[in-house]
Each structure stands twice: as C-alpha cells, then as structure tokens.
C-alpha cells in the first residue's frame, strides 16, 4: 500500500530537481560543486586580503592612495618653498657682496641700495641735508669762525655718526639674513632629497601593492560571480 506513495514522491522529487536544474542551468551535483569552489575561493580571498592588509599595516598606510598623495604633496610643497627662497637668498647675497666690495674699496656703505631704501636712513639724510643748508647760510651771514656755527656743526656730526651706525646695522642685518637664508636653503635641499628618497621607496612599494591588489581582485571577481549564481 505504501509503494505508490513512495513512487509518487520519487517522481515529484525528480521532476522538481530537473525543473530547478533547467531553470538555473545547474544540477544539484553542480550546485554542490559551485559551493565547493566558492569555499576554496573564499579561503584564497581571505588569504590575499589578509596579505594586503598586513602590507598596509607594516608600511603605516591607512589608505594607499592617500599615502601616495601625502608624499607627493609634501615634495611639491618643499620644492615650492625652495623655489620661493632661492631668489630671496640671491638678492641678499648680492647685497652682501656689494657691501663687501664697498668696504674693500674704502667706500661708504650708505650708498648701497639696501641702505638708501631704508626709511630711517632717508630721514637722517633729509635732516643732514637741512642742517647742511642751514650751516651754509650761517657761514655766509656770520662767517666760518662765528660761535653759533658750532652747535649746528655738532648736530651734523651727530647725525653723520647715527647715519654710519644705521648703515652698518643694516649691512649687519643683511649678512645675518643672508646666512639664515643659506641655512634654510640647505635644510630645504636636504629635506627635498630625503623626500625624493621617500618617493623612490614608495614607488617600489607601489609595485608590491599592485601585485597584492591584483591578486585579491583576480580572486574576488570569480568568487563574487559564483556566490551570486549560488
């Protein structure tokens, strides 16, 4: 009595399996094979992803692309700073060399461009010019030996001393700025060289990263396809 029922169930099960296989394009045995392949690929993907993550941690990278941008931006910034500094250092160097040449020739540094353009020097020279005119007028009116000329002459000598001191201070400041600019330029050049080495190192890491990334991608594609089909 139970045989017809068992036959019916067997026929129905066979029909349903065949219908599913036709609809999905895979049999029950084929589905099991897909699951087996998916598990193998999952393990391989986990290994590849783990290797990529280990690589990122060992090289202090939160994001490979961001790390690359930071390194290149740093090199660009340093190069820009050096490009900006060099003309300033050259201008300071020209000023120092002009001052050295004037001193070597026994000339006054008050005629140097960096000294002439100073506002304090300009004011001192205007005051000297005014006192000089005043002294010339007093000489014409009172004569060279008049006692009132001594006060004006003393003021002139005082201003000349101030002018010389101010000019020397400007030249001294010029030398200090030049020395500082030279140090800055040297440090920037060293920093750029170090950053270039970092770029070279990162380029080598890029090759390793690309290999690890491509390996993971080559596994992830088939794995995703199989899991979707399953």
Protein backbone atom coordinates (compact mmCIF):
# COMPACT_ATOMS: atom_id res chain seq x y z
CA UNK A 1 0.00 0.00 0.00
CA UNK A 2 2.84 2.44 0.63
CA UNK A 3 4.65 1.77 -2.63
CA UNK A 4 2.51 4.09 -4.84
CA UNK A 5 3.12 6.92 -2.38
CA UNK A 6 6.91 6.35 -2.45
CA UNK A 7 6.87 6.20 -6.23
CA UNK A 8 4.85 9.41 -6.43
CA UNK A 9 7.27 11.24 -4.08
CA UNK A 10 10.25 9.99 -6.04
CA UNK A 11 8.73 11.13 -9.34
CA UNK A 12 7.83 14.53 -7.87
CA UNK A 13 11.32 14.99 -6.37
CA UNK A 14 12.96 14.02 -9.66
CA UNK A 15 10.67 16.39 -11.55
CA UNK A 16 11.40 19.29 -9.15
CA UNK A 17 15.16 18.68 -9.31
CA UNK A 18 15.08 18.51 -13.07
CA UNK A 19 12.92 21.65 -13.27
CA UNK A 20 15.29 23.54 -10.97
CA UNK A 21 18.30 22.34 -12.91
CA UNK A 22 16.75 23.52 -16.17
CA UNK A 23 15.77 26.85 -14.67
CA UNK A 24 19.14 27.55 -13.02
CA UNK A 25 21.27 25.79 -15.57
CA UNK A 26 22.86 23.65 -12.85
CA UNK A 27 22.05 20.31 -11.28
CA UNK A 28 22.12 19.50 -7.57
CA UNK A 29 25.53 17.95 -8.05
CA UNK A 30 26.64 21.04 -9.99
CA UNK A 31 25.37 23.27 -7.18
CA UNK A 32 27.41 21.31 -4.66
CA UNK A 33 30.44 21.75 -6.90
CA UNK A 34 29.83 25.51 -7.04
CA UNK A 35 29.64 25.63 -3.25
CA UNK A 36 32.90 23.74 -3.00
CA UNK A 37 34.61 26.12 -5.43
CA UNK A 38 33.14 29.11 -3.61
CA UNK A 39 34.61 27.89 -0.32
CA UNK A 40 38.04 27.42 -1.90
CA UNK A 41 37.91 30.89 -3.42
CA UNK A 42 36.69 32.37 -0.13
CA UNK A 43 39.72 30.99 1.67
CA UNK A 44 42.07 32.24 -1.05
CA UNK A 45 40.40 35.66 -0.98
CA UNK A 46 40.77 35.83 2.80
CA UNK A 47 44.47 34.99 2.46
CA UNK A 48 45.01 37.58 -0.30
CA UNK A 49 43.06 40.26 1.57
CA UNK A 50 44.98 39.48 4.75
CA UNK A 51 48.31 39.83 2.93
CA UNK A 52 47.21 43.19 1.54
CA UNK A 53 46.11 44.38 4.98
CA UNK A 54 49.39 43.24 6.55
CA UNK A 55 51.29 45.14 3.86
CA UNK A 56 49.33 48.31 4.65
CA UNK A 57 49.93 47.98 8.41
CA UNK A 58 53.64 47.25 8.06
CA UNK A 59 54.10 50.38 5.93
CA UNK A 60 51.89 52.64 8.09
CA UNK A 61 49.29 53.18 5.39
CA UNK A 62 45.68 53.90 6.25
CA UNK A 63 44.95 54.30 2.55
CA UNK A 64 47.43 53.63 -0.23
CA UNK A 65 46.09 56.42 -2.42
CA UNK A 66 46.04 58.92 0.47
CA UNK A 67 49.59 57.98 1.47
CA UNK A 68 50.71 58.49 -2.11
CA UNK A 69 49.04 61.91 -2.23
CA UNK A 70 50.60 62.98 1.08
CA UNK A 71 54.10 62.04 -0.09
CA UNK A 72 53.77 63.82 -3.43
CA UNK A 73 52.14 66.89 -1.87
CA UNK A 74 54.97 67.11 0.65
CA UNK A 75 57.57 67.00 -2.15
CA UNK A 76 55.68 69.68 -4.09
CA UNK A 77 55.44 71.93 -1.02
CA UNK A 78 59.16 71.62 -0.27
CA UNK A 79 60.07 72.34 -3.88
CA UNK A 80 57.79 75.37 -3.89
CA UNK A 81 59.39 76.69 -0.68
CA UNK A 82 62.86 76.27 -2.18
CA UNK A 83 61.81 78.00 -5.39
CA UNK A 84 60.48 80.92 -3.34
CA UNK A 85 63.55 81.09 -1.10
CA UNK A 86 66.25 80.99 -3.77
CA UNK A 87 65.53 84.43 -5.36
CA UNK A 88 65.46 85.98 -1.87
CA UNK A 89 68.76 84.34 -0.95
CA UNK A 90 70.29 85.53 -4.22
CA UNK A 91 69.13 89.10 -3.57
CA UNK A 92 70.60 89.00 -0.06
CA UNK A 93 73.82 87.57 -1.46
CA UNK A 94 74.04 90.40 -3.98
CA UNK A 95 73.58 92.94 -1.18
CA UNK A 96 76.28 91.36 0.99
CA UNK A 97 78.73 91.15 -1.91
CA UNK A 98 78.08 94.79 -2.78
CA UNK A 99 78.73 95.80 0.84
CA UNK A 100 81.97 93.78 0.93
CA UNK A 101 83.11 95.39 -2.31
CA UNK A 102 82.35 98.90 -1.00
CA UNK A 103 84.24 98.25 2.25
CA UNK A 104 87.19 96.74 0.35
CA UNK A 105 87.37 99.87 -1.83
CA UNK A 106 87.14 102.20 1.15
CA UNK A 107 83.72 103.46 0.09
CA UNK A 108 80.81 104.30 2.36
CA UNK A 109 78.05 101.70 2.67
CA UNK A 110 75.48 104.49 2.91
CA UNK A 111 75.25 104.50 -0.88
CA UNK A 112 74.19 100.84 -1.09
CA UNK A 113 70.62 100.22 -2.36
CA UNK A 114 69.60 98.32 0.78
CA UNK A 115 70.79 101.26 2.90
CA UNK A 116 69.39 104.01 0.72
CA UNK A 117 65.90 102.44 0.67
CA UNK A 118 65.75 102.31 4.48
CA UNK A 119 63.22 104.81 5.91
CA UNK A 120 65.41 105.72 8.90
CA UNK A 121 68.34 106.41 6.60
CA UNK A 122 66.14 108.54 4.37
CA UNK A 123 65.02 110.63 7.36
CA UNK A 124 68.61 111.03 8.57
CA UNK A 125 69.77 112.12 5.13
CA UNK A 126 66.96 114.66 4.84
CA UNK A 127 67.85 116.07 8.25
CA UNK A 128 71.53 116.20 7.28
CA UNK A 129 70.64 117.99 4.07
CA UNK A 130 68.57 120.52 6.00
CA UNK A 131 71.35 121.12 8.52
CA UNK A 132 73.91 121.39 5.74
CA UNK A 133 71.87 124.11 4.05
CA UNK A 134 71.38 125.86 7.38
CA UNK A 135 75.13 125.71 8.08
CA UNK A 136 75.96 127.14 4.62
CA UNK A 137 73.57 130.02 5.19
CA UNK A 138 75.05 130.73 8.64
CA UNK A 139 78.57 130.71 7.21
CA UNK A 140 77.54 133.26 4.58
CA UNK A 141 75.89 135.52 7.14
CA UNK A 142 78.17 135.08 10.15
CA UNK A 143 81.47 133.75 8.82
CA UNK A 144 83.18 130.47 9.49
CA UNK A 145 84.51 131.44 12.93
CA UNK A 146 81.25 132.51 14.48
CA UNK A 147 80.45 130.60 17.75
CA UNK A 148 76.83 129.95 16.73
CA UNK A 149 78.06 127.64 13.96
CA UNK A 150 79.45 125.15 16.49
CA UNK A 151 76.01 123.94 17.60
CA UNK A 152 74.90 123.28 14.04
CA UNK A 153 78.19 121.57 13.25
CA UNK A 154 77.83 119.35 16.32
CA UNK A 155 74.35 118.32 15.16
CA UNK A 156 75.72 117.49 11.73
CA UNK A 157 78.49 115.34 13.19
CA UNK A 158 75.96 113.57 15.47
CA UNK A 159 73.66 112.81 12.54
CA UNK A 160 76.57 111.58 10.44
CA UNK A 161 77.53 109.20 13.25
CA UNK A 162 73.93 107.99 13.52
CA UNK A 163 73.78 107.52 9.75
CA UNK A 164 77.00 105.50 9.74
CA UNK A 165 75.76 103.35 12.65
CA UNK A 166 72.40 102.80 10.98
CA UNK A 167 74.08 101.86 7.69
CA UNK A 168 76.39 99.41 9.47
CA UNK A 169 73.42 97.92 11.31
CA UNK A 170 71.58 97.43 8.02
CA UNK A 171 74.61 95.73 6.48
CA UNK A 172 74.98 93.54 9.58
CA UNK A 173 71.31 92.60 9.38
CA UNK A 174 71.78 91.87 5.69
CA UNK A 175 74.61 89.47 6.49
CA UNK A 176 72.52 87.75 9.18
CA UNK A 177 69.56 87.36 6.83
CA UNK A 178 71.86 86.01 4.12
CA UNK A 179 73.38 83.44 6.49
CA UNK A 180 69.90 82.41 7.64
CA UNK A 181 68.68 82.10 4.05
CA UNK A 182 71.67 79.92 3.21
CA UNK A 183 70.90 77.63 6.16
CA UNK A 184 67.22 77.48 5.18
CA UNK A 185 68.15 76.67 1.59
CA UNK A 186 70.50 73.89 2.71
CA UNK A 187 67.89 72.40 5.03
CA UNK A 188 65.22 72.58 2.34
CA UNK A 189 67.55 70.91 -0.17
CA UNK A 190 68.25 68.13 2.32
CA UNK A 191 64.53 67.74 3.05
CA UNK A 192 63.76 67.55 -0.67
CA UNK A 193 66.44 64.92 -1.19
CA UNK A 194 65.05 62.89 1.72
CA UNK A 195 61.51 63.26 0.36
CA UNK A 196 62.69 62.16 -3.08
CA UNK A 197 64.12 59.03 -1.48
CA UNK A 198 60.73 58.51 0.15
CA UNK A 199 59.10 58.82 -3.27
CA UNK A 200 61.51 56.22 -4.70
CA UNK A 201 60.75 53.90 -1.77
CA UNK A 202 57.04 54.40 -2.25
CA UNK A 203 57.35 53.63 -5.95
CA UNK A 204 58.89 50.29 -5.01
CA UNK A 205 56.04 49.70 -2.57
CA UNK A 206 53.61 50.54 -5.37
CA UNK A 207 54.81 47.52 -7.32
CA UNK A 208 54.26 45.24 -4.32
CA UNK A 209 50.90 46.83 -3.61
CA UNK A 210 49.75 46.40 -7.22
CA UNK A 211 50.67 42.71 -7.16
CA UNK A 212 48.77 42.14 -3.91
CA UNK A 213 45.81 44.21 -5.11
CA UNK A 214 45.60 42.43 -8.47
CA UNK A 215 45.83 39.05 -6.76
CA UNK A 216 42.94 39.92 -4.46
CA UNK A 217 40.90 41.36 -7.34
CA UNK A 218 41.52 38.29 -9.54
CA UNK A 219 40.08 36.08 -6.78
CA UNK A 220 37.27 38.40 -5.74
CA UNK A 221 35.79 38.55 -9.26
CA UNK A 222 35.21 34.78 -9.73
CA UNK A 223 34.18 34.42 -6.08
CA UNK A 224 31.51 37.11 -6.45
CA UNK A 225 30.26 35.53 -9.68
CA UNK A 226 29.96 32.05 -8.11
CA UNK A 227 28.29 33.26 -4.93
CA UNK A 228 25.73 35.22 -6.96
CA UNK A 229 24.98 32.17 -9.03
CA UNK A 230 24.63 30.03 -5.91
